[in-house]
Amino acid sequence: MKNNDSVPRSSFEEPTNDQPDFSEEHSQAKKKKEKVKSDKKRKKRNLWPIKAFFITFLLALAVNTGSELVLTDSQWWLATILTVVILLLGVIFDIIGTAATACDIGPFHAMASRKIRGGKTAVSLAMKRDIVSSVCCDIVGDICGIVSGVCGAALASEAISGFDFSTVWNVVIKVLIYSAISTLTITFKAIGKNLAVKNANKIILGVAKLLSIFRKEG
C-alpha cells in the first residue's frame, strides 16, 4: 500500500540568504571617500587666496624692481619698447585666462586617451580653470597693468625732459600718454577676450603643447 501521509517539503519554503548584504556598507564607504575628496578640494580652494597673495607679491616685487632698474636714466625708446612688451604680455595672459574659462574639456579627454601631445596637460588646465583664470587674468594681468603705468610715467618724463614746457603742458602731455596706454590696454584686451571665447580650445591646446615640453605627460 501507498503511504498517503505526506510530510511538508522544504522545497516549497522560500530560500533564505545566509550571506550578509554588503551593498549598504559599500555605498556608505563610497560616500565617505567622496566626502574626503570634497573636503580636500575645499581645503585647497581655501588655501588658494593665501598662495595667490604670496605669488602676487613676489611677482610684483620682481617685475617692478626689474622695470625700475631698466628705466632708471633710460632713453625714451627703451621706455616705449618696455611699455609695449608689458602691455602685450598682459593681453596674452588675459586671453589664456579667458580661454581657460570658456573651453570645453570633452575634446581634451579624447586627445588624452589617444595620447596626443598636450592632451593631458589641456585636461589639467581645463579642470583647474578657476586657478588658471585667476593667475592669468588677475595676478599677471593686473601686475602688467600697473607696471605699464609705471613705464608710461617714465616715458612721459623722458618725453618732456628735453623741452622747456610750462607746467600746464607738462600735465597735458603726461595725461595724454597715460590715456593712450590705458586705451590701448582696454582695446587689446577686449579684442583678445572675443578671440579667446571663439577659439578657446585651440588656445588652451596650444598652451598645453607648449607646457608639455617642460612637463612629462604620463
N, C-alpha and C. Protein backbone atom coordinates (compact mmCIF):
# COMPACT_ATOMS: atom_id res chain seq x y z
N MET A 1 0.83 -1.20 0.00
CA MET A 1 0.00 0.00 0.00
C MET A 1 0.88 1.26 0.00
N LYS A 2 0.28 2.27 -0.63
CA LYS A 2 0.99 3.55 -0.68
C LYS A 2 0.68 4.33 0.57
N ASN A 3 1.68 4.95 1.08
CA ASN A 3 1.51 5.77 2.26
C ASN A 3 1.02 7.15 1.84
N ASN A 4 -0.26 7.46 2.27
CA ASN A 4 -0.84 8.75 1.90
C ASN A 4 -0.40 9.89 2.78
N ASP A 5 0.29 9.50 3.90
CA ASP A 5 0.76 10.56 4.79
C ASP A 5 1.88 11.34 4.10
N SER A 6 1.69 12.59 3.96
CA SER A 6 2.70 13.42 3.28
C SER A 6 3.35 14.36 4.28
N VAL A 7 4.66 14.47 4.16
CA VAL A 7 5.43 15.35 5.03
C VAL A 7 5.68 16.64 4.27
N PRO A 8 5.45 17.80 4.88
CA PRO A 8 5.69 19.06 4.17
C PRO A 8 7.12 19.13 3.67
N ARG A 9 7.23 19.44 2.39
CA ARG A 9 8.55 19.51 1.75
C ARG A 9 9.17 20.90 1.98
N SER A 10 10.48 20.90 2.22
CA SER A 10 11.18 22.16 2.45
C SER A 10 11.38 22.96 1.17
N SER A 11 11.16 22.25 0.01
CA SER A 11 11.37 22.93 -1.27
C SER A 11 10.33 24.00 -1.52
N PHE A 12 9.15 23.88 -0.83
CA PHE A 12 8.11 24.88 -1.00
C PHE A 12 8.36 26.13 -0.19
N GLU A 13 9.33 26.07 0.70
CA GLU A 13 9.65 27.23 1.53
C GLU A 13 10.58 28.17 0.78
N GLU A 14 10.44 29.45 1.05
CA GLU A 14 11.29 30.44 0.38
C GLU A 14 12.72 30.28 0.86
N PRO A 15 13.68 30.28 -0.09
CA PRO A 15 15.08 30.11 0.31
C PRO A 15 15.57 31.31 1.11
N THR A 16 16.34 31.01 2.08
CA THR A 16 16.91 32.08 2.92
C THR A 16 18.33 32.34 2.48
N ASN A 17 18.70 33.60 2.47
CA ASN A 17 20.05 34.00 2.08
C ASN A 17 20.85 34.27 3.35
N ASP A 18 21.76 33.35 3.64
CA ASP A 18 22.55 33.46 4.86
C ASP A 18 23.74 34.42 4.71
N GLN A 19 24.09 34.79 3.41
CA GLN A 19 25.25 35.65 3.21
C GLN A 19 24.88 37.10 3.55
N PRO A 20 25.78 37.84 4.19
CA PRO A 20 25.49 39.23 4.57
C PRO A 20 25.40 40.14 3.34
N ASP A 21 24.57 41.15 3.42
CA ASP A 21 24.39 42.12 2.34
C ASP A 21 25.37 43.28 2.51
N PHE A 22 26.33 43.36 1.55
CA PHE A 22 27.37 44.38 1.64
C PHE A 22 27.05 45.63 0.84
N SER A 23 25.88 45.66 0.18
CA SER A 23 25.57 46.79 -0.70
C SER A 23 25.48 48.10 0.07
N GLU A 24 24.81 48.05 1.23
CA GLU A 24 24.67 49.26 2.04
C GLU A 24 26.02 49.70 2.60
N GLU A 25 26.82 48.73 3.03
CA GLU A 25 28.14 49.04 3.58
C GLU A 25 29.05 49.65 2.50
N HIS A 26 28.93 49.10 1.26
CA HIS A 26 29.73 49.61 0.14
C HIS A 26 29.35 51.04 -0.20
N SER A 27 28.05 51.32 -0.20
CA SER A 27 27.58 52.67 -0.53
C SER A 27 28.03 53.68 0.52
N GLN A 28 28.03 53.27 1.79
CA GLN A 28 28.49 54.15 2.86
C GLN A 28 29.98 54.45 2.73
N ALA A 29 30.76 53.41 2.37
CA ALA A 29 32.20 53.60 2.18
C ALA A 29 32.47 54.53 1.00
N LYS A 30 31.66 54.38 -0.05
CA LYS A 30 31.82 55.24 -1.23
C LYS A 30 31.51 56.69 -0.89
N LYS A 31 30.45 56.90 -0.09
CA LYS A 31 30.09 58.25 0.34
C LYS A 31 31.19 58.88 1.17
N LYS A 32 31.81 58.08 2.05
CA LYS A 32 32.90 58.58 2.88
C LYS A 32 34.09 59.02 2.02
N LYS A 33 34.41 58.21 0.98
CA LYS A 33 35.51 58.57 0.09
C LYS A 33 35.23 59.85 -0.65
N GLU A 34 33.99 59.98 -1.15
CA GLU A 34 33.61 61.20 -1.86
C GLU A 34 33.67 62.43 -0.95
N LYS A 35 33.27 62.22 0.30
CA LYS A 35 33.30 63.32 1.27
C LYS A 35 34.74 63.75 1.55
N VAL A 36 35.65 62.76 1.68
CA VAL A 36 37.06 63.06 1.92
C VAL A 36 37.64 63.84 0.75
N LYS A 37 37.29 63.42 -0.49
CA LYS A 37 37.79 64.12 -1.69
C LYS A 37 37.28 65.55 -1.74
N SER A 38 35.99 65.72 -1.45
CA SER A 38 35.41 67.07 -1.48
C SER A 38 36.02 67.96 -0.41
N ASP A 39 36.31 67.36 0.77
CA ASP A 39 36.95 68.13 1.85
C ASP A 39 38.36 68.58 1.45
N LYS A 40 39.09 67.68 0.75
CA LYS A 40 40.43 68.04 0.29
C LYS A 40 40.38 69.17 -0.73
N LYS A 41 39.38 69.09 -1.65
CA LYS A 41 39.23 70.15 -2.65
C LYS A 41 38.90 71.48 -1.99
N ARG A 42 38.04 71.43 -0.97
CA ARG A 42 37.69 72.66 -0.25
C ARG A 42 38.89 73.26 0.45
N LYS A 43 39.72 72.40 1.05
CA LYS A 43 40.92 72.89 1.73
C LYS A 43 41.86 73.56 0.75
N LYS A 44 42.02 72.94 -0.44
CA LYS A 44 42.89 73.52 -1.46
C LYS A 44 42.36 74.87 -1.91
N ARG A 45 41.03 74.95 -2.11
CA ARG A 45 40.43 76.22 -2.52
C ARG A 45 40.57 77.28 -1.43
N ASN A 46 40.47 76.85 -0.17
CA ASN A 46 40.60 77.81 0.93
C ASN A 46 42.03 78.34 1.04
N LEU A 47 43.01 77.51 0.66
CA LEU A 47 44.41 77.93 0.73
C LEU A 47 44.82 78.77 -0.48
N TRP A 48 44.04 78.73 -1.58
CA TRP A 48 44.43 79.42 -2.79
C TRP A 48 44.57 80.93 -2.60
N PRO A 49 43.66 81.63 -1.89
CA PRO A 49 43.86 83.08 -1.71
C PRO A 49 45.18 83.42 -1.03
N ILE A 50 45.61 82.57 -0.08
CA ILE A 50 46.89 82.81 0.60
C ILE A 50 48.05 82.62 -0.38
N LYS A 51 47.97 81.55 -1.18
CA LYS A 51 49.01 81.32 -2.19
C LYS A 51 49.02 82.45 -3.21
N ALA A 52 47.83 82.89 -3.62
CA ALA A 52 47.73 83.98 -4.60
C ALA A 52 48.35 85.25 -4.06
N PHE A 53 48.19 85.48 -2.75
CA PHE A 53 48.77 86.68 -2.13
C PHE A 53 50.29 86.68 -2.26
N PHE A 54 50.91 85.56 -1.91
CA PHE A 54 52.37 85.49 -1.95
C PHE A 54 52.89 85.48 -3.39
N ILE A 55 52.19 84.79 -4.29
CA ILE A 55 52.60 84.78 -5.70
C ILE A 55 52.53 86.19 -6.28
N THR A 56 51.43 86.89 -5.99
CA THR A 56 51.27 88.25 -6.49
C THR A 56 52.34 89.18 -5.94
N PHE A 57 52.61 89.06 -4.64
CA PHE A 57 53.61 89.93 -4.01
C PHE A 57 54.99 89.71 -4.62
N LEU A 58 55.38 88.44 -4.78
CA LEU A 58 56.72 88.13 -5.30
C LEU A 58 56.85 88.56 -6.76
N LEU A 59 55.81 88.29 -7.56
CA LEU A 59 55.84 88.68 -8.97
C LEU A 59 55.88 90.21 -9.11
N ALA A 60 55.03 90.88 -8.35
CA ALA A 60 55.01 92.35 -8.41
C ALA A 60 56.35 92.93 -7.99
N LEU A 61 56.95 92.35 -6.95
CA LEU A 61 58.25 92.82 -6.48
C LEU A 61 59.32 92.65 -7.55
N ALA A 62 59.31 91.46 -8.18
CA ALA A 62 60.33 91.18 -9.21
C ALA A 62 60.15 92.07 -10.44
N VAL A 63 58.90 92.16 -10.91
CA VAL A 63 58.64 92.93 -12.14
C VAL A 63 58.88 94.42 -11.92
N ASN A 64 58.40 94.95 -10.80
CA ASN A 64 58.59 96.38 -10.52
C ASN A 64 60.06 96.73 -10.31
N THR A 65 60.80 95.84 -9.63
CA THR A 65 62.23 96.08 -9.43
C THR A 65 62.97 96.08 -10.76
N GLY A 66 62.64 95.08 -11.60
CA GLY A 66 63.28 94.99 -12.92
C GLY A 66 62.98 96.20 -13.79
N SER A 67 61.73 96.64 -13.78
CA SER A 67 61.36 97.79 -14.60
C SER A 67 62.02 99.08 -14.10
N GLU A 68 62.13 99.22 -12.78
CA GLU A 68 62.78 100.41 -12.22
C GLU A 68 64.26 100.44 -12.59
N LEU A 69 64.91 99.27 -12.54
CA LEU A 69 66.33 99.21 -12.90
C LEU A 69 66.54 99.51 -14.37
N VAL A 70 65.64 99.01 -15.21
CA VAL A 70 65.77 99.24 -16.65
C VAL A 70 65.48 100.69 -17.01
N LEU A 71 64.48 101.27 -16.35
CA LEU A 71 64.03 102.61 -16.72
C LEU A 71 64.84 103.74 -16.10
N THR A 72 65.67 103.42 -15.13
CA THR A 72 66.48 104.47 -14.49
C THR A 72 67.48 105.03 -15.49
N ASP A 73 67.40 106.34 -15.74
CA ASP A 73 68.28 107.03 -16.70
C ASP A 73 68.25 106.40 -18.09
N SER A 74 67.09 105.89 -18.49
CA SER A 74 66.97 105.25 -19.80
C SER A 74 66.50 106.24 -20.85
N GLN A 75 66.65 105.85 -22.10
CA GLN A 75 66.18 106.66 -23.21
C GLN A 75 64.68 106.43 -23.41
N TRP A 76 64.03 107.35 -24.12
CA TRP A 76 62.58 107.26 -24.32
C TRP A 76 62.20 106.04 -25.14
N TRP A 77 63.09 105.65 -26.08
CA TRP A 77 62.77 104.49 -26.94
C TRP A 77 62.76 103.19 -26.14
N LEU A 78 63.65 103.10 -25.14
CA LEU A 78 63.68 101.90 -24.29
C LEU A 78 62.43 101.83 -23.42
N ALA A 79 62.00 102.97 -22.90
CA ALA A 79 60.77 103.02 -22.11
C ALA A 79 59.56 102.65 -22.96
N THR A 80 59.58 103.08 -24.23
CA THR A 80 58.47 102.76 -25.14
C THR A 80 58.41 101.27 -25.43
N ILE A 81 59.56 100.66 -25.72
CA ILE A 81 59.61 99.22 -26.02
C ILE A 81 59.15 98.41 -24.80
N LEU A 82 59.64 98.77 -23.62
CA LEU A 82 59.26 98.05 -22.40
C LEU A 82 57.77 98.19 -22.12
N THR A 83 57.22 99.37 -22.37
CA THR A 83 55.78 99.58 -22.16
C THR A 83 54.96 98.70 -23.08
N VAL A 84 55.34 98.64 -24.37
CA VAL A 84 54.62 97.82 -25.35
C VAL A 84 54.71 96.33 -25.01
N VAL A 85 55.92 95.88 -24.62
CA VAL A 85 56.12 94.46 -24.28
C VAL A 85 55.26 94.05 -23.09
N ILE A 86 55.26 94.86 -22.05
CA ILE A 86 54.47 94.55 -20.85
C ILE A 86 52.98 94.61 -21.15
N LEU A 87 52.58 95.58 -21.96
CA LEU A 87 51.17 95.69 -22.35
C LEU A 87 50.71 94.44 -23.11
N LEU A 88 51.51 94.00 -24.08
CA LEU A 88 51.17 92.80 -24.86
C LEU A 88 51.19 91.54 -23.99
N LEU A 89 52.13 91.49 -23.04
CA LEU A 89 52.19 90.34 -22.13
C LEU A 89 50.92 90.23 -21.30
N GLY A 90 50.43 91.37 -20.80
CA GLY A 90 49.18 91.37 -20.05
C GLY A 90 48.00 90.93 -20.90
N VAL A 91 47.97 91.35 -22.16
CA VAL A 91 46.88 90.96 -23.07
C VAL A 91 46.92 89.46 -23.35
N ILE A 92 48.12 88.92 -23.59
CA ILE A 92 48.27 87.49 -23.90
C ILE A 92 47.80 86.63 -22.72
N PHE A 93 48.21 86.98 -21.51
CA PHE A 93 47.79 86.21 -20.34
C PHE A 93 46.29 86.35 -20.09
N ASP A 94 45.74 87.51 -20.40
CA ASP A 94 44.30 87.70 -20.27
C ASP A 94 43.54 86.80 -21.24
N ILE A 95 44.08 86.63 -22.45
CA ILE A 95 43.48 85.73 -23.45
C ILE A 95 43.51 84.29 -22.95
N ILE A 96 44.64 83.87 -22.37
CA ILE A 96 44.76 82.50 -21.86
C ILE A 96 43.77 82.25 -20.72
N GLY A 97 43.67 83.21 -19.80
CA GLY A 97 42.74 83.06 -18.68
C GLY A 97 41.29 82.99 -19.13
N THR A 98 40.93 83.81 -20.11
CA THR A 98 39.56 83.79 -20.63
C THR A 98 39.28 82.49 -21.38
N ALA A 99 40.25 82.01 -22.16
CA ALA A 99 40.09 80.76 -22.90
C ALA A 99 39.94 79.57 -21.96
N ALA A 100 40.68 79.58 -20.84
CA ALA A 100 40.55 78.50 -19.85
C ALA A 100 39.15 78.45 -19.27
N THR A 101 38.53 79.59 -19.09
CA THR A 101 37.17 79.65 -18.56
C THR A 101 36.14 79.17 -19.59
N ALA A 102 36.39 79.47 -20.86
CA ALA A 102 35.40 79.20 -21.91
C ALA A 102 35.59 77.87 -22.62
N CYS A 103 36.68 77.16 -22.36
CA CYS A 103 36.98 75.94 -23.13
C CYS A 103 36.08 74.76 -22.73
N ASP A 104 36.01 73.78 -23.63
CA ASP A 104 35.23 72.55 -23.41
C ASP A 104 36.21 71.42 -23.13
N ILE A 105 36.04 70.76 -21.99
CA ILE A 105 37.01 69.74 -21.56
C ILE A 105 36.85 68.42 -22.32
N GLY A 106 35.68 68.18 -22.94
CA GLY A 106 35.41 66.91 -23.61
C GLY A 106 36.44 66.53 -24.66
N PRO A 107 36.72 67.40 -25.64
CA PRO A 107 37.72 67.04 -26.66
C PRO A 107 39.11 66.78 -26.09
N PHE A 108 39.45 67.40 -24.98
CA PHE A 108 40.77 67.19 -24.38
C PHE A 108 40.87 65.79 -23.78
N HIS A 109 39.76 65.29 -23.21
CA HIS A 109 39.75 63.91 -22.71
C HIS A 109 39.99 62.93 -23.85
N ALA A 110 39.36 63.18 -25.00
CA ALA A 110 39.55 62.31 -26.16
C ALA A 110 41.00 62.36 -26.64
N MET A 111 41.60 63.53 -26.66
CA MET A 111 43.01 63.67 -27.06
C MET A 111 43.94 62.96 -26.08
N ALA A 112 43.62 63.07 -24.80
CA ALA A 112 44.45 62.42 -23.78
C ALA A 112 44.38 60.90 -23.90
N SER A 113 43.18 60.38 -24.20
CA SER A 113 43.02 58.93 -24.36
C SER A 113 43.76 58.41 -25.59
N ARG A 114 43.87 59.26 -26.63
CA ARG A 114 44.62 58.88 -27.83
C ARG A 114 46.10 59.24 -27.73
N LYS A 115 46.49 59.75 -26.57
CA LYS A 115 47.87 60.10 -26.27
C LYS A 115 48.43 61.15 -27.23
N ILE A 116 47.58 62.13 -27.56
CA ILE A 116 48.02 63.26 -28.36
C ILE A 116 48.80 64.22 -27.46
N ARG A 117 49.91 64.72 -27.96
CA ARG A 117 50.77 65.59 -27.13
C ARG A 117 50.01 66.84 -26.68
N GLY A 118 50.06 67.07 -25.39
CA GLY A 118 49.37 68.22 -24.81
C GLY A 118 47.97 67.92 -24.32
N GLY A 119 47.46 66.72 -24.62
CA GLY A 119 46.08 66.37 -24.23
C GLY A 119 45.87 66.35 -22.73
N LYS A 120 46.76 65.67 -22.01
CA LYS A 120 46.63 65.56 -20.55
C LYS A 120 46.86 66.91 -19.87
N THR A 121 47.80 67.67 -20.40
CA THR A 121 48.04 69.00 -19.83
C THR A 121 46.84 69.90 -20.06
N ALA A 122 46.20 69.78 -21.23
CA ALA A 122 44.99 70.56 -21.52
C ALA A 122 43.85 70.19 -20.58
N VAL A 123 43.73 68.89 -20.26
CA VAL A 123 42.72 68.44 -19.30
C VAL A 123 42.97 69.07 -17.93
N SER A 124 44.23 69.09 -17.51
CA SER A 124 44.58 69.70 -16.22
C SER A 124 44.25 71.19 -16.19
N LEU A 125 44.57 71.89 -17.29
CA LEU A 125 44.27 73.32 -17.37
C LEU A 125 42.77 73.58 -17.33
N ALA A 126 42.01 72.73 -18.04
CA ALA A 126 40.55 72.90 -18.07
C ALA A 126 39.91 72.58 -16.73
N MET A 127 40.44 71.56 -16.03
CA MET A 127 39.89 71.18 -14.73
C MET A 127 40.21 72.23 -13.66
N LYS A 128 41.33 72.91 -13.81
CA LYS A 128 41.72 73.95 -12.85
C LYS A 128 41.52 75.34 -13.46
N ARG A 129 40.45 75.48 -14.21
CA ARG A 129 40.22 76.73 -14.94
C ARG A 129 40.08 77.95 -14.02
N ASP A 130 39.55 77.74 -12.81
CA ASP A 130 39.41 78.87 -11.89
C ASP A 130 40.76 79.41 -11.45
N ILE A 131 41.71 78.48 -11.19
CA ILE A 131 43.05 78.89 -10.79
C ILE A 131 43.80 79.50 -11.97
N VAL A 132 43.67 78.88 -13.15
CA VAL A 132 44.33 79.40 -14.36
C VAL A 132 43.85 80.81 -14.67
N SER A 133 42.53 81.00 -14.58
CA SER A 133 41.94 82.32 -14.85
C SER A 133 42.42 83.35 -13.83
N SER A 134 42.49 82.93 -12.56
CA SER A 134 42.92 83.84 -11.50
C SER A 134 44.37 84.26 -11.70
N VAL A 135 45.24 83.29 -12.02
CA VAL A 135 46.67 83.58 -12.21
C VAL A 135 46.88 84.48 -13.42
N CYS A 136 46.25 84.09 -14.55
CA CYS A 136 46.50 84.81 -15.81
C CYS A 136 45.83 86.18 -15.84
N CYS A 137 44.54 86.23 -15.48
CA CYS A 137 43.80 87.49 -15.61
C CYS A 137 44.03 88.42 -14.43
N ASP A 138 43.97 87.87 -13.22
CA ASP A 138 44.03 88.72 -12.03
C ASP A 138 45.47 89.05 -11.62
N ILE A 139 46.28 87.99 -11.47
CA ILE A 139 47.64 88.23 -10.95
C ILE A 139 48.53 88.85 -12.03
N VAL A 140 48.78 88.09 -13.11
CA VAL A 140 49.70 88.58 -14.15
C VAL A 140 49.11 89.78 -14.87
N GLY A 141 47.81 89.73 -15.19
CA GLY A 141 47.18 90.83 -15.92
C GLY A 141 47.22 92.14 -15.15
N ASP A 142 46.89 92.08 -13.86
CA ASP A 142 46.89 93.30 -13.04
C ASP A 142 48.30 93.84 -12.83
N ILE A 143 49.26 92.92 -12.62
CA ILE A 143 50.64 93.37 -12.45
C ILE A 143 51.14 94.07 -13.72
N CYS A 144 50.85 93.48 -14.87
CA CYS A 144 51.26 94.10 -16.13
C CYS A 144 50.59 95.46 -16.32
N GLY A 145 49.35 95.58 -15.88
CA GLY A 145 48.66 96.87 -15.98
C GLY A 145 49.32 97.93 -15.12
N ILE A 146 49.71 97.54 -13.91
CA ILE A 146 50.36 98.50 -13.00
C ILE A 146 51.74 98.89 -13.53
N VAL A 147 52.50 97.88 -13.98
CA VAL A 147 53.86 98.15 -14.45
C VAL A 147 53.83 98.97 -15.74
N SER A 148 52.86 98.72 -16.61
CA SER A 148 52.76 99.52 -17.83
C SER A 148 52.47 100.98 -17.48
N GLY A 149 51.73 101.20 -16.39
CA GLY A 149 51.52 102.57 -15.90
C GLY A 149 52.81 103.21 -15.43
N VAL A 150 53.66 102.41 -14.72
CA VAL A 150 54.96 102.91 -14.27
C VAL A 150 55.84 103.24 -15.47
N CYS A 151 55.82 102.37 -16.47
CA CYS A 151 56.60 102.62 -17.69
C CYS A 151 56.07 103.85 -18.43
N GLY A 152 54.74 104.03 -18.41
CA GLY A 152 54.15 105.21 -19.03
C GLY A 152 54.60 106.49 -18.35
N ALA A 153 54.72 106.44 -17.03
CA ALA A 153 55.20 107.60 -16.28
C ALA A 153 56.64 107.93 -16.66
N ALA A 154 57.46 106.88 -16.77
CA ALA A 154 58.86 107.10 -17.18
C ALA A 154 58.93 107.64 -18.60
N LEU A 155 58.05 107.11 -19.46
CA LEU A 155 58.01 107.58 -20.85
C LEU A 155 57.60 109.04 -20.92
N ALA A 156 56.62 109.41 -20.12
CA ALA A 156 56.16 110.80 -20.09
C ALA A 156 57.25 111.73 -19.58
N SER A 157 57.97 111.29 -18.57
CA SER A 157 59.06 112.11 -18.02
C SER A 157 60.17 112.31 -19.05
N GLU A 158 60.48 111.22 -19.79
CA GLU A 158 61.51 111.33 -20.82
C GLU A 158 61.04 112.22 -21.98
N ALA A 159 59.74 112.17 -22.27
CA ALA A 159 59.21 112.94 -23.40
C ALA A 159 59.29 114.44 -23.15
N ILE A 160 59.15 114.86 -21.89
CA ILE A 160 59.14 116.30 -21.60
C ILE A 160 60.45 116.80 -21.02
N SER A 161 61.38 115.85 -20.80
CA SER A 161 62.64 116.26 -20.14
C SER A 161 63.49 117.17 -21.03
N GLY A 162 63.45 117.00 -22.34
CA GLY A 162 64.30 117.77 -23.23
C GLY A 162 63.70 119.10 -23.66
N PHE A 163 62.52 119.39 -23.16
CA PHE A 163 61.83 120.62 -23.59
C PHE A 163 61.51 121.48 -22.37
N ASP A 164 61.46 122.75 -22.61
CA ASP A 164 61.16 123.70 -21.53
C ASP A 164 59.68 124.10 -21.61
N PHE A 165 58.82 123.07 -21.29
CA PHE A 165 57.38 123.31 -21.35
C PHE A 165 56.91 123.96 -20.05
N SER A 166 55.78 124.61 -20.15
CA SER A 166 55.16 125.15 -18.93
C SER A 166 54.52 124.01 -18.14
N THR A 167 54.13 124.31 -16.93
CA THR A 167 53.53 123.29 -16.06
C THR A 167 52.26 122.71 -16.68
N VAL A 168 51.47 123.55 -17.32
CA VAL A 168 50.21 123.09 -17.93
C VAL A 168 50.49 122.09 -19.03
N TRP A 169 51.46 122.41 -19.90
CA TRP A 169 51.78 121.50 -20.99
C TRP A 169 52.39 120.19 -20.48
N ASN A 170 53.16 120.27 -19.43
CA ASN A 170 53.70 119.04 -18.82
C ASN A 170 52.58 118.10 -18.37
N VAL A 171 51.59 118.69 -17.74
CA VAL A 171 50.44 117.90 -17.27
C VAL A 171 49.66 117.33 -18.45
N VAL A 172 49.45 118.14 -19.48
CA VAL A 172 48.70 117.69 -20.66
C VAL A 172 49.40 116.53 -21.35
N ILE A 173 50.71 116.63 -21.54
CA ILE A 173 51.47 115.56 -22.20
C ILE A 173 51.42 114.27 -21.39
N LYS A 174 51.59 114.39 -20.08
CA LYS A 174 51.54 113.20 -19.22
C LYS A 174 50.18 112.53 -19.27
N VAL A 175 49.12 113.34 -19.19
CA VAL A 175 47.76 112.80 -19.22
C VAL A 175 47.48 112.12 -20.55
N LEU A 176 47.94 112.70 -21.65
CA LEU A 176 47.74 112.11 -22.97
C LEU A 176 48.44 110.75 -23.10
N ILE A 177 49.66 110.67 -22.57
CA ILE A 177 50.41 109.40 -22.62
C ILE A 177 49.73 108.34 -21.76
N TYR A 178 49.30 108.70 -20.54
CA TYR A 178 48.59 107.75 -19.67
C TYR A 178 47.29 107.27 -20.33
N SER A 179 46.57 108.22 -20.94
CA SER A 179 45.30 107.89 -21.59
C SER A 179 45.51 106.96 -22.78
N ALA A 180 46.59 107.20 -23.53
CA ALA A 180 46.89 106.35 -24.69
C ALA A 180 47.20 104.92 -24.25
N ILE A 181 47.99 104.78 -23.18
CA ILE A 181 48.34 103.45 -22.67
C ILE A 181 47.09 102.73 -22.16
N SER A 182 46.24 103.43 -21.40
CA SER A 182 45.01 102.84 -20.88
C SER A 182 44.07 102.42 -22.00
N THR A 183 43.94 103.28 -23.02
CA THR A 183 43.05 102.98 -24.14
C THR A 183 43.53 101.77 -24.92
N LEU A 184 44.82 101.71 -25.18
CA LEU A 184 45.38 100.56 -25.91
C LEU A 184 45.20 99.27 -25.11
N THR A 185 45.44 99.33 -23.80
CA THR A 185 45.29 98.14 -22.95
C THR A 185 43.85 97.62 -22.98
N ILE A 186 42.89 98.50 -22.79
CA ILE A 186 41.48 98.09 -22.76
C ILE A 186 41.04 97.58 -24.13
N THR A 187 41.46 98.27 -25.20
CA THR A 187 41.06 97.86 -26.56
C THR A 187 41.61 96.49 -26.92
N PHE A 188 42.91 96.29 -26.67
CA PHE A 188 43.53 95.00 -26.98
C PHE A 188 42.95 93.86 -26.14
N LYS A 189 42.63 94.15 -24.87
CA LYS A 189 42.02 93.11 -24.02
C LYS A 189 40.62 92.76 -24.48
N ALA A 190 39.86 93.76 -24.94
CA ALA A 190 38.52 93.49 -25.46
C ALA A 190 38.58 92.62 -26.71
N ILE A 191 39.52 92.94 -27.61
CA ILE A 191 39.71 92.12 -28.82
C ILE A 191 40.17 90.72 -28.43
N GLY A 192 41.09 90.65 -27.46
CA GLY A 192 41.61 89.35 -27.02
C GLY A 192 40.56 88.47 -26.38
N LYS A 193 39.66 89.05 -25.59
CA LYS A 193 38.60 88.27 -24.95
C LYS A 193 37.66 87.67 -26.00
N ASN A 194 37.32 88.46 -27.00
CA ASN A 194 36.46 87.97 -28.08
C ASN A 194 37.14 86.82 -28.82
N LEU A 195 38.42 86.98 -29.08
CA LEU A 195 39.20 85.93 -29.74
C LEU A 195 39.29 84.68 -28.88
N ALA A 196 39.46 84.86 -27.56
CA ALA A 196 39.61 83.74 -26.63
C ALA A 196 38.34 82.92 -26.53
N VAL A 197 37.19 83.58 -26.51
CA VAL A 197 35.91 82.87 -26.39
C VAL A 197 35.64 82.04 -27.65
N LYS A 198 35.96 82.59 -28.82
CA LYS A 198 35.69 81.90 -30.09
C LYS A 198 36.67 80.76 -30.35
N ASN A 199 37.89 80.88 -29.86
CA ASN A 199 38.93 79.87 -30.13
C ASN A 199 39.51 79.31 -28.83
N ALA A 200 38.64 79.09 -27.84
CA ALA A 200 39.10 78.70 -26.51
C ALA A 200 39.89 77.39 -26.53
N ASN A 201 39.35 76.36 -27.18
CA ASN A 201 40.02 75.05 -27.18
C ASN A 201 41.36 75.09 -27.92
N LYS A 202 41.41 75.81 -29.03
CA LYS A 202 42.68 75.92 -29.78
C LYS A 202 43.76 76.61 -28.95
N ILE A 203 43.35 77.66 -28.25
CA ILE A 203 44.32 78.42 -27.43
C ILE A 203 44.84 77.57 -26.28
N ILE A 204 43.93 76.90 -25.57
CA ILE A 204 44.35 76.06 -24.44
C ILE A 204 45.20 74.89 -24.90
N LEU A 205 44.86 74.30 -26.04
CA LEU A 205 45.67 73.20 -26.57
C LEU A 205 47.06 73.69 -26.96
N GLY A 206 47.13 74.88 -27.54
CA GLY A 206 48.44 75.45 -27.88
C GLY A 206 49.29 75.70 -26.64
N VAL A 207 48.66 76.24 -25.59
CA VAL A 207 49.37 76.47 -24.32
C VAL A 207 49.80 75.14 -23.71
N ALA A 208 48.92 74.14 -23.79
CA ALA A 208 49.22 72.81 -23.23
C ALA A 208 50.39 72.15 -23.96
N LYS A 209 50.44 72.30 -25.28
CA LYS A 209 51.56 71.73 -26.04
C LYS A 209 52.87 72.42 -25.67
N LEU A 210 52.79 73.73 -25.44
CA LEU A 210 53.99 74.46 -25.02
C LEU A 210 54.45 74.01 -23.63
N LEU A 211 53.49 73.84 -22.72
CA LEU A 211 53.83 73.41 -21.35
C LEU A 211 54.30 71.97 -21.31
N SER A 212 53.81 71.13 -22.26
CA SER A 212 54.18 69.72 -22.26
C SER A 212 55.65 69.51 -22.59
N ILE A 213 56.30 70.55 -23.14
CA ILE A 213 57.74 70.47 -23.38
C ILE A 213 58.49 70.39 -22.04
N PHE A 214 57.96 71.10 -21.05
CA PHE A 214 58.62 71.15 -19.74
C PHE A 214 57.99 70.19 -18.75
N ARG A 215 56.81 69.66 -19.09
CA ARG A 215 56.11 68.75 -18.19
C ARG A 215 55.93 67.40 -18.86
N LYS A 216 56.37 66.33 -18.16
CA LYS A 216 56.25 64.99 -18.72
C LYS A 216 54.84 64.48 -18.56
N GLU A 217 54.20 64.07 -19.65
CA GLU A 217 52.84 63.52 -19.60
C GLU A 217 52.92 62.01 -19.49
N GLY A 218 52.21 61.45 -18.49
CA GLY A 218 52.23 60.00 -18.27
C GLY A 218 51.35 59.25 -19.23
